[in-house]
Amino acid sequence: MIIELKSAGSIVARQFMPVYGNSGTGFQLLQFKVNYTAPGMPDTLILGFIPTDIYANFPQYGSSMTVDNLTFGSSYPPIPNGNFDSWAPFTFNKLANWTYMDMLDFGFIRTRIRNV
């Protein structure tokens, strides 16, 4: 998991927290401490979830991750759509005649790709 918190455009926290293991068929509550690197009250949250080691020299195919019910705790404002129940369509643009690896190349969202 990658998290970045910003305050007025300046980064106040950024870190990578590896998630390992297998919870079988049920969800497992995971908690991580966010270490601030600068003062300030965050006004922007960027979260990323990647089911592979981002520091490996090659992707680890076959991994998967299910994420649900994100929260900073009961005393903080809720994370918008932290339960992932609301989705909106999004179109990815790919440059025609360019070759590069990305999640679009694996057929996950082929119906929403527009070559430009």
PDB file of N, CA and C in Angstrom:
ATOM      1  N   MET A   1       0.851  -1.162   0.000  1.00  0.00           N
ATOM      2  CA  MET A   1       0.000   0.000   0.000  1.00  0.00           C
ATOM      3  C   MET A   1       0.900   1.229   0.000  1.00  0.00           C
ATOM      4  N   ILE A   2       0.520   2.192  -0.802  1.00  0.00           N
ATOM      5  CA  ILE A   2       1.249   3.449  -0.873  1.00  0.00           C
ATOM      6  C   ILE A   2       0.304   4.550  -0.401  1.00  0.00           C
ATOM      7  N   ILE A   3       0.795   5.401   0.479  1.00  0.00           N
ATOM      8  CA  ILE A   3      -0.023   6.513   0.970  1.00  0.00           C
ATOM      9  C   ILE A   3       0.783   7.798   0.860  1.00  0.00           C
ATOM     10  N   GLU A   4       0.079   8.858   0.455  1.00  0.00           N
ATOM     11  CA  GLU A   4       0.679  10.178   0.432  1.00  0.00           C
ATOM     12  C   GLU A   4      -0.355  11.162   0.951  1.00  0.00           C
ATOM     13  N   LEU A   5       0.041  11.979   1.884  1.00  0.00           N
ATOM     14  CA  LEU A   5      -0.810  13.025   2.438  1.00  0.00           C
ATOM     15  C   LEU A   5      -0.179  14.369   2.114  1.00  0.00           C
ATOM     16  N   LYS A   6      -1.018  15.321   1.679  1.00  0.00           N
ATOM     17  CA  LYS A   6      -0.524  16.651   1.334  1.00  0.00           C
ATOM     18  C   LYS A   6      -1.301  17.712   2.090  1.00  0.00           C
ATOM     19  N   SER A   7      -0.646  18.832   2.315  1.00  0.00           N
ATOM     20  CA  SER A   7      -1.268  20.006   2.917  1.00  0.00           C
ATOM     21  C   SER A   7      -0.909  21.206   2.049  1.00  0.00           C
ATOM     22  N   ALA A   8      -1.910  21.821   1.426  1.00  0.00           N
ATOM     23  CA  ALA A   8      -1.704  22.955   0.523  1.00  0.00           C
ATOM     24  C   ALA A   8      -0.659  22.636  -0.551  1.00  0.00           C
ATOM     25  N   GLY A   9      -0.681  21.402  -1.055  1.00  0.00           N
ATOM     26  CA  GLY A   9       0.225  20.986  -2.122  1.00  0.00           C
ATOM     27  C   GLY A   9       1.562  20.453  -1.661  1.00  0.00           C
ATOM     28  N   SER A  10       1.910  20.617  -0.386  1.00  0.00           N
ATOM     29  CA  SER A  10       3.187  20.114   0.136  1.00  0.00           C
ATOM     30  C   SER A  10       2.980  18.756   0.790  1.00  0.00           C
ATOM     31  N   ILE A  11       3.896  17.849   0.555  1.00  0.00           N
ATOM     32  CA  ILE A  11       3.806  16.499   1.116  1.00  0.00           C
ATOM     33  C   ILE A  11       4.104  16.538   2.610  1.00  0.00           C
ATOM     34  N   VAL A  12       3.203  15.993   3.415  1.00  0.00           N
ATOM     35  CA  VAL A  12       3.426  15.907   4.856  1.00  0.00           C
ATOM     36  C   VAL A  12       3.662  14.457   5.292  1.00  0.00           C
ATOM     37  N   ALA A  13       3.310  13.503   4.445  1.00  0.00           N
ATOM     38  CA  ALA A  13       3.584  12.086   4.727  1.00  0.00           C
ATOM     39  C   ALA A  13       3.565  11.325   3.418  1.00  0.00           C
ATOM     40  N   ARG A  14       4.535  10.429   3.253  1.00  0.00           N
ATOM     41  CA  ARG A  14       4.586   9.544   2.081  1.00  0.00           C
ATOM     42  C   ARG A  14       5.310   8.278   2.515  1.00  0.00           C
ATOM     43  N   GLN A  15       4.657   7.142   2.316  1.00  0.00           N
ATOM     44  CA  GLN A  15       5.329   5.897   2.649  1.00  0.00           C
ATOM     45  C   GLN A  15       4.697   4.713   1.952  1.00  0.00           C
ATOM     46  N   PHE A  16       5.486   3.671   1.844  1.00  0.00           N
ATOM     47  CA  PHE A  16       5.061   2.391   1.286  1.00  0.00           C
ATOM     48  C   PHE A  16       4.969   1.404   2.435  1.00  0.00           C
ATOM     49  N   MET A  17       3.848   0.741   2.530  1.00  0.00           N
ATOM     50  CA  MET A  17       3.643  -0.256   3.585  1.00  0.00           C
ATOM     51  C   MET A  17       3.351  -1.601   2.921  1.00  0.00           C
ATOM     52  N   PRO A  18       4.299  -2.526   2.927  1.00  0.00           N
ATOM     53  CA  PRO A  18       4.055  -3.818   2.277  1.00  0.00           C
ATOM     54  C   PRO A  18       2.976  -4.619   3.000  1.00  0.00           C
ATOM     55  N   VAL A  19       2.155  -5.292   2.217  1.00  0.00           N
ATOM     56  CA  VAL A  19       1.102  -6.160   2.742  1.00  0.00           C
ATOM     57  C   VAL A  19       1.450  -7.571   2.300  1.00  0.00           C
ATOM     58  N   TYR A  20       1.645  -8.452   3.269  1.00  0.00           N
ATOM     59  CA  TYR A  20       2.020  -9.834   2.967  1.00  0.00           C
ATOM     60  C   TYR A  20       0.995 -10.794   3.545  1.00  0.00           C
ATOM     61  N   GLY A  21       0.999 -11.997   3.021  1.00  0.00           N
ATOM     62  CA  GLY A  21       0.201 -13.045   3.634  1.00  0.00           C
ATOM     63  C   GLY A  21      -1.053 -13.377   2.867  1.00  0.00           C
ATOM     64  N   ASN A  22      -1.845 -14.216   3.499  1.00  0.00           N
ATOM     65  CA  ASN A  22      -3.076 -14.697   2.907  1.00  0.00           C
ATOM     66  C   ASN A  22      -4.090 -14.838   4.021  1.00  0.00           C
ATOM     67  N   SER A  23      -5.250 -14.205   3.854  1.00  0.00           N
ATOM     68  CA  SER A  23      -6.276 -14.302   4.889  1.00  0.00           C
ATOM     69  C   SER A  23      -7.298 -15.379   4.566  1.00  0.00           C
ATOM     70  N   GLY A  24      -7.026 -16.202   3.554  1.00  0.00           N
ATOM     71  CA  GLY A  24      -7.967 -17.263   3.197  1.00  0.00           C
ATOM     72  C   GLY A  24      -9.196 -16.688   2.542  1.00  0.00           C
ATOM     73  N   THR A  25     -10.347 -17.082   3.016  1.00  0.00           N
ATOM     74  CA  THR A  25     -11.593 -16.647   2.390  1.00  0.00           C
ATOM     75  C   THR A  25     -12.231 -15.457   3.096  1.00  0.00           C
ATOM     76  N   GLY A  26     -11.662 -14.989   4.203  1.00  0.00           N
ATOM     77  CA  GLY A  26     -12.253 -13.872   4.941  1.00  0.00           C
ATOM     78  C   GLY A  26     -11.373 -12.644   4.900  1.00  0.00           C
ATOM     79  N   PHE A  27     -11.951 -11.534   5.314  1.00  0.00           N
ATOM     80  CA  PHE A  27     -11.172 -10.293   5.397  1.00  0.00           C
ATOM     81  C   PHE A  27     -10.373 -10.265   6.685  1.00  0.00           C
ATOM     82  N   GLN A  28      -9.236  -9.610   6.617  1.00  0.00           N
ATOM     83  CA  GLN A  28      -8.369  -9.461   7.774  1.00  0.00           C
ATOM     84  C   GLN A  28      -8.143  -7.969   7.997  1.00  0.00           C
ATOM     85  N   LEU A  29      -8.385  -7.483   9.219  1.00  0.00           N
ATOM     86  CA  LEU A  29      -8.162  -6.084   9.539  1.00  0.00           C
ATOM     87  C   LEU A  29      -6.658  -5.817   9.615  1.00  0.00           C
ATOM     88  N   LEU A  30      -6.200  -4.860   8.828  1.00  0.00           N
ATOM     89  CA  LEU A  30      -4.793  -4.457   8.850  1.00  0.00           C
ATOM     90  C   LEU A  30      -4.725  -2.997   9.276  1.00  0.00           C
ATOM     91  N   GLN A  31      -3.765  -2.675  10.117  1.00  0.00           N
ATOM     92  CA  GLN A  31      -3.584  -1.313  10.588  1.00  0.00           C
ATOM     93  C   GLN A  31      -2.140  -0.898  10.374  1.00  0.00           C
ATOM     94  N   PHE A  32      -1.945   0.340   9.931  1.00  0.00           N
ATOM     95  CA  PHE A  32      -0.615   0.863   9.669  1.00  0.00           C
ATOM     96  C   PHE A  32      -0.493   2.244  10.285  1.00  0.00           C
ATOM     97  N   LYS A  33       0.658   2.522  10.842  1.00  0.00           N
ATOM     98  CA  LYS A  33       0.935   3.855  11.371  1.00  0.00           C
ATOM     99  C   LYS A  33       1.480   4.720  10.242  1.00  0.00           C
ATOM    100  N   VAL A  34       0.937   5.928  10.124  1.00  0.00           N
ATOM    101  CA  VAL A  34       1.416   6.883   9.124  1.00  0.00           C
ATOM    102  C   VAL A  34       2.414   7.804   9.800  1.00  0.00           C
ATOM    103  N   ASN A  35       3.627   7.849   9.265  1.00  0.00           N
ATOM    104  CA  ASN A  35       4.691   8.686   9.819  1.00  0.00           C
ATOM    105  C   ASN A  35       4.767   9.995   9.041  1.00  0.00           C
ATOM    106  N   TYR A  36       4.505  11.091   9.723  1.00  0.00           N
ATOM    107  CA  TYR A  36       4.561  12.405   9.096  1.00  0.00           C
ATOM    108  C   TYR A  36       6.010  12.841   8.957  1.00  0.00           C
ATOM    109  N   THR A  37       6.320  13.452   7.803  1.00  0.00           N
ATOM    110  CA  THR A  37       7.672  13.945   7.548  1.00  0.00           C
ATOM    111  C   THR A  37       7.739  15.468   7.606  1.00  0.00           C
ATOM    112  N   ALA A  38       6.571  16.114   7.721  1.00  0.00           N
ATOM    113  CA  ALA A  38       6.514  17.574   7.805  1.00  0.00           C
ATOM    114  C   ALA A  38       5.257  17.963   8.576  1.00  0.00           C
ATOM    115  N   PRO A  39       5.244  19.153   9.161  1.00  0.00           N
ATOM    116  CA  PRO A  39       4.040  19.589   9.876  1.00  0.00           C
ATOM    117  C   PRO A  39       2.933  19.975   8.902  1.00  0.00           C
ATOM    118  N   GLY A  40       1.719  19.973   9.375  1.00  0.00           N
ATOM    119  CA  GLY A  40       0.588  20.413   8.561  1.00  0.00           C
ATOM    120  C   GLY A  40      -0.580  19.462   8.676  1.00  0.00           C
ATOM    121  N   MET A  41      -1.780  19.998   8.533  1.00  0.00           N
ATOM    122  CA  MET A  41      -2.998  19.199   8.535  1.00  0.00           C
ATOM    123  C   MET A  41      -3.290  18.788   7.092  1.00  0.00           C
ATOM    124  N   PRO A  42      -3.305  17.505   6.786  1.00  0.00           N
ATOM    125  CA  PRO A  42      -3.519  17.075   5.401  1.00  0.00           C
ATOM    126  C   PRO A  42      -4.879  17.507   4.865  1.00  0.00           C
ATOM    127  N   ASP A  43      -4.887  17.932   3.590  1.00  0.00           N
ATOM    128  CA  ASP A  43      -6.130  18.229   2.900  1.00  0.00           C
ATOM    129  C   ASP A  43      -6.296  17.359   1.648  1.00  0.00           C
ATOM    130  N   THR A  44      -5.278  16.544   1.359  1.00  0.00           N
ATOM    131  CA  THR A  44      -5.296  15.665   0.190  1.00  0.00           C
ATOM    132  C   THR A  44      -4.769  14.297   0.578  1.00  0.00           C
ATOM    133  N   LEU A  45      -5.462  13.260   0.105  1.00  0.00           N
ATOM    134  CA  LEU A  45      -5.067  11.875   0.361  1.00  0.00           C
ATOM    135  C   LEU A  45      -4.896  11.156  -0.960  1.00  0.00           C
ATOM    136  N   ILE A  46      -3.771  10.489  -1.132  1.00  0.00           N
ATOM    137  CA  ILE A  46      -3.525   9.645  -2.298  1.00  0.00           C
ATOM    138  C   ILE A  46      -3.190   8.262  -1.768  1.00  0.00           C
ATOM    139  N   LEU A  47      -3.990   7.274  -2.164  1.00  0.00           N
ATOM    140  CA  LEU A  47      -3.773   5.881  -1.749  1.00  0.00           C
ATOM    141  C   LEU A  47      -3.572   5.015  -2.982  1.00  0.00           C
ATOM    142  N   GLY A  48      -2.678   4.074  -2.892  1.00  0.00           N
ATOM    143  CA  GLY A  48      -2.456   3.121  -3.979  1.00  0.00           C
ATOM    144  C   GLY A  48      -2.306   1.725  -3.420  1.00  0.00           C
ATOM    145  N   PHE A  49      -2.881   0.775  -4.110  1.00  0.00           N
ATOM    146  CA  PHE A  49      -2.803  -0.627  -3.693  1.00  0.00           C
ATOM    147  C   PHE A  49      -2.248  -1.436  -4.848  1.00  0.00           C
ATOM    148  N   ILE A  50      -1.171  -2.146  -4.592  1.00  0.00           N
ATOM    149  CA  ILE A  50      -0.491  -2.894  -5.634  1.00  0.00           C
ATOM    150  C   ILE A  50      -0.231  -4.305  -5.107  1.00  0.00           C
ATOM    151  N   PRO A  51      -0.751  -5.336  -5.767  1.00  0.00           N
ATOM    152  CA  PRO A  51      -0.555  -6.704  -5.260  1.00  0.00           C
ATOM    153  C   PRO A  51       0.766  -7.320  -5.697  1.00  0.00           C
ATOM    154  N   THR A  52       1.838  -6.547  -5.641  1.00  0.00           N
ATOM    155  CA  THR A  52       3.171  -7.039  -5.970  1.00  0.00           C
ATOM    156  C   THR A  52       4.187  -6.142  -5.282  1.00  0.00           C
ATOM    157  N   ASP A  53       5.431  -6.542  -5.255  1.00  0.00           N
ATOM    158  CA  ASP A  53       6.494  -5.759  -4.623  1.00  0.00           C
ATOM    159  C   ASP A  53       6.965  -4.684  -5.594  1.00  0.00           C
ATOM    160  N   ILE A  54       6.707  -3.423  -5.280  1.00  0.00           N
ATOM    161  CA  ILE A  54       7.064  -2.344  -6.201  1.00  0.00           C
ATOM    162  C   ILE A  54       8.576  -2.163  -6.318  1.00  0.00           C
ATOM    163  N   TYR A  55       9.337  -2.702  -5.396  1.00  0.00           N
ATOM    164  CA  TYR A  55      10.785  -2.554  -5.439  1.00  0.00           C
ATOM    165  C   TYR A  55      11.477  -3.729  -6.124  1.00  0.00           C
ATOM    166  N   ALA A  56      10.722  -4.748  -6.530  1.00  0.00           N
ATOM    167  CA  ALA A  56      11.300  -5.869  -7.263  1.00  0.00           C
ATOM    168  C   ALA A  56      11.651  -5.396  -8.669  1.00  0.00           C
ATOM    169  N   ASN A  57      12.598  -6.057  -9.282  1.00  0.00           N
ATOM    170  CA  ASN A  57      13.007  -5.683 -10.633  1.00  0.00           C
ATOM    171  C   ASN A  57      12.051  -6.197 -11.704  1.00  0.00           C
ATOM    172  N   PHE A  58      11.073  -6.965 -11.326  1.00  0.00           N
ATOM    173  CA  PHE A  58      10.106  -7.496 -12.284  1.00  0.00           C
ATOM    174  C   PHE A  58       8.769  -7.671 -11.571  1.00  0.00           C
ATOM    175  N   PRO A  59       7.659  -7.566 -12.320  1.00  0.00           N
ATOM    176  CA  PRO A  59       6.349  -7.758 -11.687  1.00  0.00           C
ATOM    177  C   PRO A  59       6.151  -9.201 -11.266  1.00  0.00           C
ATOM    178  N   GLN A  60       5.413  -9.405 -10.199  1.00  0.00           N
ATOM    179  CA  GLN A  60       5.114 -10.746  -9.708  1.00  0.00           C
ATOM    180  C   GLN A  60       3.682 -11.071 -10.112  1.00  0.00           C
ATOM    181  N   TYR A  61       3.521 -11.750 -11.235  1.00  0.00           N
ATOM    182  CA  TYR A  61       2.216 -12.046 -11.787  1.00  0.00           C
ATOM    183  C   TYR A  61       1.471 -13.067 -10.942  1.00  0.00           C
ATOM    184  N   GLY A  62       0.145 -12.974 -10.952  1.00  0.00           N
ATOM    185  CA  GLY A  62      -0.685 -13.936 -10.254  1.00  0.00           C
ATOM    186  C   GLY A  62      -1.126 -13.490  -8.876  1.00  0.00           C
ATOM    187  N   SER A  63      -0.619 -12.378  -8.390  1.00  0.00           N
ATOM    188  CA  SER A  63      -1.017 -11.878  -7.080  1.00  0.00           C
ATOM    189  C   SER A  63      -2.342 -11.140  -7.192  1.00  0.00           C
ATOM    190  N   SER A  64      -3.089 -11.133  -6.118  1.00  0.00           N
ATOM    191  CA  SER A  64      -4.335 -10.364  -6.095  1.00  0.00           C
ATOM    192  C   SER A  64      -4.534  -9.784  -4.704  1.00  0.00           C
ATOM    193  N   MET A  65      -5.375  -8.782  -4.645  1.00  0.00           N
ATOM    194  CA  MET A  65      -5.639  -8.108  -3.378  1.00  0.00           C
ATOM    195  C   MET A  65      -7.074  -7.603  -3.402  1.00  0.00           C
ATOM    196  N   THR A  66      -7.792  -7.796  -2.311  1.00  0.00           N
ATOM    197  CA  THR A  66      -9.131  -7.241  -2.158  1.00  0.00           C
ATOM    198  C   THR A  66      -9.080  -6.214  -1.038  1.00  0.00           C
ATOM    199  N   VAL A  67      -9.545  -5.011  -1.324  1.00  0.00           N
ATOM    200  CA  VAL A  67      -9.491  -3.913  -0.359  1.00  0.00           C
ATOM    201  C   VAL A  67     -10.914  -3.426  -0.113  1.00  0.00           C
ATOM    202  N   ASP A  68     -11.255  -3.184   1.157  1.00  0.00           N
ATOM    203  CA  ASP A  68     -12.597  -2.717   1.497  1.00  0.00           C
ATOM    204  C   ASP A  68     -12.553  -2.012   2.847  1.00  0.00           C
ATOM    205  N   ASN A  69     -13.495  -1.126   3.074  1.00  0.00           N
ATOM    206  CA  ASN A  69     -13.692  -0.439   4.358  1.00  0.00           C
ATOM    207  C   ASN A  69     -12.444   0.292   4.849  1.00  0.00           C
ATOM    208  N   LEU A  70     -11.945   1.212   4.045  1.00  0.00           N
ATOM    209  CA  LEU A  70     -10.786   2.013   4.443  1.00  0.00           C
ATOM    210  C   LEU A  70     -11.207   3.082   5.435  1.00  0.00           C
ATOM    211  N   THR A  71     -10.395   3.294   6.452  1.00  0.00           N
ATOM    212  CA  THR A  71     -10.693   4.311   7.459  1.00  0.00           C
ATOM    213  C   THR A  71      -9.410   4.744   8.153  1.00  0.00           C
ATOM    214  N   PHE A  72      -9.427   5.963   8.673  1.00  0.00           N
ATOM    215  CA  PHE A  72      -8.341   6.436   9.522  1.00  0.00           C
ATOM    216  C   PHE A  72      -8.706   6.285  10.991  1.00  0.00           C
ATOM    217  N   GLY A  73      -9.844   5.703  11.279  1.00  0.00           N
ATOM    218  CA  GLY A  73     -10.304   5.535  12.654  1.00  0.00           C
ATOM    219  C   GLY A  73     -11.550   6.353  12.912  1.00  0.00           C
ATOM    220  N   SER A  74     -12.196   6.064  14.017  1.00  0.00           N
ATOM    221  CA  SER A  74     -13.489   6.690  14.301  1.00  0.00           C
ATOM    222  C   SER A  74     -13.398   8.178  14.639  1.00  0.00           C
ATOM    223  N   SER A  75     -12.245   8.670  15.046  1.00  0.00           N
ATOM    224  CA  SER A  75     -12.143  10.084  15.419  1.00  0.00           C
ATOM    225  C   SER A  75     -11.702  10.975  14.256  1.00  0.00           C
ATOM    226  N   TYR A  76     -11.633  10.428  13.043  1.00  0.00           N
ATOM    227  CA  TYR A  76     -11.213  11.190  11.868  1.00  0.00           C
ATOM    228  C   TYR A  76     -12.322  11.196  10.825  1.00  0.00           C
ATOM    229  N   PRO A  77     -12.312  12.173   9.911  1.00  0.00           N
ATOM    230  CA  PRO A  77     -13.327  12.182   8.850  1.00  0.00           C
ATOM    231  C   PRO A  77     -13.224  10.909   8.003  1.00  0.00           C
ATOM    232  N   PRO A  78     -14.342  10.453   7.448  1.00  0.00           N
ATOM    233  CA  PRO A  78     -14.300   9.231   6.634  1.00  0.00           C
ATOM    234  C   PRO A  78     -13.533   9.447   5.333  1.00  0.00           C
ATOM    235  N   ILE A  79     -12.947   8.380   4.826  1.00  0.00           N
ATOM    236  CA  ILE A  79     -12.292   8.405   3.521  1.00  0.00           C
ATOM    237  C   ILE A  79     -13.396   8.310   2.470  1.00  0.00           C
ATOM    238  N   PRO A  80     -13.459   9.249   1.523  1.00  0.00           N
ATOM    239  CA  PRO A  80     -14.511   9.184   0.505  1.00  0.00           C
ATOM    240  C   PRO A  80     -14.492   7.846  -0.232  1.00  0.00           C
ATOM    241  N   ASN A  81     -15.645   7.214  -0.318  1.00  0.00           N
ATOM    242  CA  ASN A  81     -15.814   5.912  -0.967  1.00  0.00           C
ATOM    243  C   ASN A  81     -14.858   4.859  -0.400  1.00  0.00           C
ATOM    244  N   GLY A  82     -14.589   4.946   0.889  1.00  0.00           N
ATOM    245  CA  GLY A  82     -13.688   3.997   1.540  1.00  0.00           C
ATOM    246  C   GLY A  82     -14.187   2.567   1.539  1.00  0.00           C
ATOM    247  N   ASN A  83     -15.464   2.366   1.238  1.00  0.00           N
ATOM    248  CA  ASN A  83     -15.992   1.002   1.148  1.00  0.00           C
ATOM    249  C   ASN A  83     -16.066   0.526  -0.303  1.00  0.00           C
ATOM    250  N   PHE A  84     -15.654   1.374  -1.252  1.00  0.00           N
ATOM    251  CA  PHE A  84     -15.603   1.044  -2.681  1.00  0.00           C
ATOM    252  C   PHE A  84     -16.962   0.654  -3.255  1.00  0.00           C
ATOM    253  N   ASP A  85     -18.051   1.189  -2.690  1.00  0.00           N
ATOM    254  CA  ASP A  85     -19.379   0.859  -3.189  1.00  0.00           C
ATOM    255  C   ASP A  85     -19.833   1.773  -4.328  1.00  0.00           C
ATOM    256  N   SER A  86     -19.186   2.924  -4.506  1.00  0.00           N
ATOM    257  CA  SER A  86     -19.568   3.851  -5.571  1.00  0.00           C
ATOM    258  C   SER A  86     -18.443   3.943  -6.597  1.00  0.00           C
ATOM    259  N   TRP A  87     -18.772   3.672  -7.838  1.00  0.00           N
ATOM    260  CA  TRP A  87     -17.784   3.709  -8.911  1.00  0.00           C
ATOM    261  C   TRP A  87     -18.292   4.587 -10.030  1.00  0.00           C
ATOM    262  N   ALA A  88     -17.382   5.171 -10.769  1.00  0.00           N
ATOM    263  CA  ALA A  88     -17.725   5.976 -11.938  1.00  0.00           C
ATOM    264  C   ALA A  88     -16.866   5.516 -13.114  1.00  0.00           C
ATOM    265  N   PRO A  89     -17.423   5.518 -14.316  1.00  0.00           N
ATOM    266  CA  PRO A  89     -16.634   5.121 -15.488  1.00  0.00           C
ATOM    267  C   PRO A  89     -15.428   6.042 -15.684  1.00  0.00           C
ATOM    268  N   PHE A  90     -14.362   5.477 -16.174  1.00  0.00           N
ATOM    269  CA  PHE A  90     -13.147   6.234 -16.442  1.00  0.00           C
ATOM    270  C   PHE A  90     -12.531   5.695 -17.713  1.00  0.00           C
ATOM    271  N   THR A  91     -12.148   6.560 -18.633  1.00  0.00           N
ATOM    272  CA  THR A  91     -11.536   6.146 -19.886  1.00  0.00           C
ATOM    273  C   THR A  91     -10.040   6.398 -19.814  1.00  0.00           C
ATOM    274  N   PHE A  92      -9.257   5.355 -20.117  1.00  0.00           N
ATOM    275  CA  PHE A  92      -7.811   5.472 -20.161  1.00  0.00           C
ATOM    276  C   PHE A  92      -7.392   5.795 -21.591  1.00  0.00           C
ATOM    277  N   ASN A  93      -6.488   6.712 -21.738  1.00  0.00           N
ATOM    278  CA  ASN A  93      -5.949   7.034 -23.057  1.00  0.00           C
ATOM    279  C   ASN A  93      -4.589   6.368 -23.219  1.00  0.00           C
ATOM    280  N   LYS A  94      -4.394   5.695 -24.359  1.00  0.00           N
ATOM    281  CA  LYS A  94      -3.103   5.106 -24.711  1.00  0.00           C
ATOM    282  C   LYS A  94      -2.666   5.698 -26.043  1.00  0.00           C
ATOM    283  N   LEU A  95      -1.422   6.069 -26.136  1.00  0.00           N
ATOM    284  CA  LEU A  95      -0.913   6.608 -27.383  1.00  0.00           C
ATOM    285  C   LEU A  95      -0.806   5.489 -28.415  1.00  0.00           C
ATOM    286  N   ALA A  96      -1.294   5.732 -29.613  1.00  0.00           N
ATOM    287  CA  ALA A  96      -1.241   4.748 -30.682  1.00  0.00           C
ATOM    288  C   ALA A  96       0.207   4.491 -31.076  1.00  0.00           C
ATOM    289  N   ASN A  97       0.532   3.253 -31.359  1.00  0.00           N
ATOM    290  CA  ASN A  97       1.850   2.821 -31.833  1.00  0.00           C
ATOM    291  C   ASN A  97       2.962   2.978 -30.801  1.00  0.00           C
ATOM    292  N   TRP A  98       2.600   3.053 -29.531  1.00  0.00           N
ATOM    293  CA  TRP A  98       3.584   3.060 -28.460  1.00  0.00           C
ATOM    294  C   TRP A  98       3.560   1.692 -27.806  1.00  0.00           C
ATOM    295  N   THR A  99       4.709   1.214 -27.379  1.00  0.00           N
ATOM    296  CA  THR A  99       4.788  -0.061 -26.688  1.00  0.00           C
ATOM    297  C   THR A  99       5.281   0.181 -25.270  1.00  0.00           C
ATOM    298  N   TYR A 100       4.484  -0.207 -24.297  1.00  0.00           N
ATOM    299  CA  TYR A 100       4.884  -0.110 -22.901  1.00  0.00           C
ATOM    300  C   TYR A 100       4.007  -1.038 -22.085  1.00  0.00           C
ATOM    301  N   MET A 101       4.521  -1.467 -20.942  1.00  0.00           N
ATOM    302  CA  MET A 101       3.783  -2.375 -20.065  1.00  0.00           C
ATOM    303  C   MET A 101       2.970  -1.557 -19.077  1.00  0.00           C
ATOM    304  N   ASP A 102       1.711  -1.915 -18.932  1.00  0.00           N
ATOM    305  CA  ASP A 102       0.885  -1.324 -17.912  1.00  0.00           C
ATOM    306  C   ASP A 102      -0.314  -2.237 -17.694  1.00  0.00           C
ATOM    307  N   MET A 103      -1.158  -1.930 -16.732  1.00  0.00           N
ATOM    308  CA  MET A 103      -2.265  -2.813 -16.420  1.00  0.00           C
ATOM    309  C   MET A 103      -3.233  -2.954 -17.576  1.00  0.00           C
ATOM    310  N   LEU A 104      -3.256  -2.002 -18.487  1.00  0.00           N
ATOM    311  CA  LEU A 104      -4.160  -2.092 -19.616  1.00  0.00           C
ATOM    312  C   LEU A 104      -3.774  -3.228 -20.559  1.00  0.00           C
ATOM    313  N   ASP A 105      -2.489  -3.551 -20.621  1.00  0.00           N
ATOM    314  CA  ASP A 105      -2.020  -4.603 -21.513  1.00  0.00           C
ATOM    315  C   ASP A 105      -2.468  -5.994 -21.094  1.00  0.00           C
ATOM    316  N   PHE A 106      -2.952  -6.154 -19.890  1.00  0.00           N
ATOM    317  CA  PHE A 106      -3.349  -7.469 -19.410  1.00  0.00           C
ATOM    318  C   PHE A 106      -4.846  -7.718 -19.560  1.00  0.00           C
ATOM    319  N   GLY A 107      -5.566  -6.813 -20.220  1.00  0.00           N
ATOM    320  CA  GLY A 107      -6.968  -7.033 -20.540  1.00  0.00           C
ATOM    321  C   GLY A 107      -7.944  -6.779 -19.405  1.00  0.00           C
ATOM    322  N   PHE A 108      -7.522  -6.107 -18.342  1.00  0.00           N
ATOM    323  CA  PHE A 108      -8.411  -5.881 -17.212  1.00  0.00           C
ATOM    324  C   PHE A 108      -9.555  -4.937 -17.565  1.00  0.00           C
ATOM    325  N   ILE A 109      -9.259  -3.911 -18.345  1.00  0.00           N
ATOM    326  CA  ILE A 109     -10.284  -2.907 -18.628  1.00  0.00           C
ATOM    327  C   ILE A 109     -10.278  -2.541 -20.101  1.00  0.00           C
ATOM    328  N   ARG A 110     -10.176  -3.497 -20.973  1.00  0.00           N
ATOM    329  CA  ARG A 110     -10.102  -3.263 -22.408  1.00  0.00           C
ATOM    330  C   ARG A 110     -11.254  -2.410 -22.934  1.00  0.00           C
ATOM    331  N   THR A 111     -12.439  -2.511 -22.376  1.00  0.00           N
ATOM    332  CA  THR A 111     -13.584  -1.794 -22.897  1.00  0.00           C
ATOM    333  C   THR A 111     -13.481  -0.291 -22.677  1.00  0.00           C
ATOM    334  N   ARG A 112     -12.589   0.155 -21.851  1.00  0.00           N
ATOM    335  CA  ARG A 112     -12.500   1.590 -21.562  1.00  0.00           C
ATOM    336  C   ARG A 112     -11.215   2.213 -22.090  1.00  0.00           C
ATOM    337  N   ILE A 113     -10.524   1.557 -23.000  1.00  0.00           N
ATOM    338  CA  ILE A 113      -9.281   2.096 -23.549  1.00  0.00           C
ATOM    339  C   ILE A 113      -9.594   2.852 -24.838  1.00  0.00           C
ATOM    340  N   ARG A 114      -9.036   4.029 -24.969  1.00  0.00           N
ATOM    341  CA  ARG A 114      -9.191   4.814 -26.178  1.00  0.00           C
ATOM    342  C   ARG A 114      -7.808   5.173 -26.677  1.00  0.00           C
ATOM    343  N   ASN A 115      -7.447   4.714 -27.875  1.00  0.00           N
ATOM    344  CA  ASN A 115      -6.152   5.058 -28.453  1.00  0.00           C
ATOM    345  C   ASN A 115      -6.208   6.475 -29.002  1.00  0.00           C
ATOM    346  N   VAL A 116      -5.207   7.274 -28.667  1.00  0.00           N
ATOM    347  CA  VAL A 116      -5.171   8.663 -29.126  1.00  0.00           C
ATOM    348  C   VAL A 116      -3.888   8.933 -29.880  1.00  0.00           C
TER     349      VAL A 116
END
